[in-house]
């Protein structure tokens, strides 16, 4: 499974990636600044994108992932989660919520060899 984290600022990206790596070491996590989102999506082909509501990502970029989490910095730390076309909102998202989404995405993707 591949996860692309583009949340800004950089320290937030790094903290999220570290938390994911510690709890789900089998997952490949890539960090990129928000302005590189489009190019990294094409290159890395993530199953899950963790991004924020200020990156200006066009809908066609988001359609390339099985799931995306959009952290709503403009509304505290709530998050919109789009999981295989179904959108929900999580109030004050925490690492356990993020890991639960990682687990759900893992169930949706074919096992890679």
Protein backbone atom coordinates (compact mmCIF):
# COMPACT_ATOMS: atom_id res chain seq x y z
CA UNK A 1 0.00 0.00 0.00
CA UNK A 2 1.22 3.50 -0.89
CA UNK A 3 0.36 6.68 1.04
CA UNK A 4 1.23 10.20 -0.11
CA UNK A 5 1.26 12.87 2.62
CA UNK A 6 1.21 16.47 1.38
CA UNK A 7 -0.10 18.28 4.45
CA UNK A 8 1.60 21.60 5.17
CA UNK A 9 3.60 22.62 7.10
CA UNK A 10 6.44 20.15 6.64
CA UNK A 11 6.61 19.27 10.35
CA UNK A 12 2.99 18.05 10.21
CA UNK A 13 3.79 15.87 7.16
CA UNK A 14 6.76 14.37 8.93
CA UNK A 15 4.83 13.69 12.14
CA UNK A 16 1.99 11.99 10.25
CA UNK A 17 4.38 9.87 8.19
CA UNK A 18 6.29 8.82 11.31
CA UNK A 19 3.09 7.81 13.08
CA UNK A 20 1.94 5.77 10.10
CA UNK A 21 5.34 4.12 9.68
CA UNK A 22 5.57 3.17 13.37
CA UNK A 23 2.11 1.62 13.50
CA UNK A 24 1.94 0.20 9.95
CA UNK A 25 5.58 -0.54 8.96
CA UNK A 26 4.49 -2.51 5.87
CA UNK A 27 3.03 0.65 4.29
CA UNK A 28 5.11 2.79 1.92
CA UNK A 29 4.79 6.46 2.83
CA UNK A 30 6.01 9.34 0.67
CA UNK A 31 6.16 13.00 1.69
CA UNK A 32 5.79 15.88 -0.74
CA UNK A 33 4.97 19.57 -0.46
CA UNK A 34 1.42 20.50 -1.50
CA UNK A 35 2.60 22.21 -4.69
CA UNK A 36 4.03 18.87 -5.88
CA UNK A 37 0.77 16.94 -5.34
CA UNK A 38 -0.19 16.53 -9.00
CA UNK A 39 3.21 15.28 -10.15
CA UNK A 40 3.71 12.96 -7.19
CA UNK A 41 0.26 11.42 -7.65
CA UNK A 42 1.17 10.51 -11.22
CA UNK A 43 4.60 9.19 -10.26
CA UNK A 44 3.89 7.43 -6.94
CA UNK A 45 0.28 6.30 -7.66
CA UNK A 46 -0.84 6.41 -4.00
CA UNK A 47 -3.77 4.41 -2.71
CA UNK A 48 -4.31 7.01 0.03
CA UNK A 49 -3.56 10.74 -0.01
CA UNK A 50 -3.39 12.77 3.19
CA UNK A 51 -3.68 16.42 2.22
CA UNK A 52 -5.10 19.67 3.50
CA UNK A 53 -7.86 21.98 2.37
CA UNK A 54 -5.48 24.71 1.24
CA UNK A 55 -3.63 22.83 -1.51
CA UNK A 56 -6.02 23.63 -4.37
CA UNK A 57 -5.97 20.05 -5.69
CA UNK A 58 -8.17 19.65 -8.77
CA UNK A 59 -10.80 16.88 -8.66
CA UNK A 60 -9.04 14.85 -11.37
CA UNK A 61 -5.98 14.49 -9.11
CA UNK A 62 -8.11 13.23 -6.24
CA UNK A 63 -9.83 10.67 -8.46
CA UNK A 64 -6.53 8.81 -8.86
CA UNK A 65 -6.55 7.44 -5.29
CA UNK A 66 -8.78 4.86 -3.62
CA UNK A 67 -9.05 7.23 -0.68
CA UNK A 68 -8.10 10.71 0.41
CA UNK A 69 -8.16 12.48 3.74
CA UNK A 70 -8.48 16.25 3.57
CA UNK A 71 -7.49 17.90 6.86
CA UNK A 72 -9.63 21.01 7.28
CA UNK A 73 -7.21 23.48 8.83
CA UNK A 74 -9.78 26.18 8.16
CA UNK A 75 -12.13 24.35 10.55
CA UNK A 76 -9.95 23.19 13.46
CA UNK A 77 -8.58 19.77 12.64
CA UNK A 78 -11.72 18.20 11.29
CA UNK A 79 -11.23 16.06 8.21
CA UNK A 80 -13.16 14.99 5.15
CA UNK A 81 -12.57 11.38 4.21
CA UNK A 82 -13.39 10.04 0.79
CA UNK A 83 -13.18 6.27 0.86
CA UNK A 84 -13.88 4.61 -2.46
CA UNK A 85 -16.33 7.37 -3.45
CA UNK A 86 -18.10 7.67 -0.09
CA UNK A 87 -17.43 10.90 1.81
CA UNK A 88 -17.67 11.39 5.57
CA UNK A 89 -16.43 13.93 8.10
CA UNK A 90 -14.43 13.28 11.25
CA UNK A 91 -14.38 15.90 13.97
CA UNK A 92 -10.94 16.69 15.38
CA UNK A 93 -9.15 13.85 13.56
CA UNK A 94 -6.55 11.93 15.54
CA UNK A 95 -3.87 9.39 14.65
CA UNK A 96 -6.16 6.48 15.55
CA UNK A 97 -8.74 7.79 13.06
CA UNK A 98 -6.03 8.05 10.41
CA UNK A 99 -4.83 4.50 11.10
CA UNK A 100 -8.41 3.21 10.89
CA UNK A 101 -8.66 4.73 7.40
CA UNK A 102 -5.32 3.15 6.45
CA UNK A 103 -6.73 -0.23 7.51
CA UNK A 104 -9.93 0.29 5.50
CA UNK A 105 -8.00 1.28 2.39
CA UNK A 106 -5.78 -1.79 2.79
CA UNK A 107 -8.93 -3.96 2.57
CA UNK A 108 -9.95 -2.28 -0.70
CA UNK A 109 -6.76 -2.71 -2.67
CA UNK A 110 -5.53 -5.92 -4.25
CA UNK A 111 -2.52 -7.47 -2.57
CA UNK A 112 0.64 -6.42 -4.37
CA UNK A 113 3.49 -8.84 -4.82
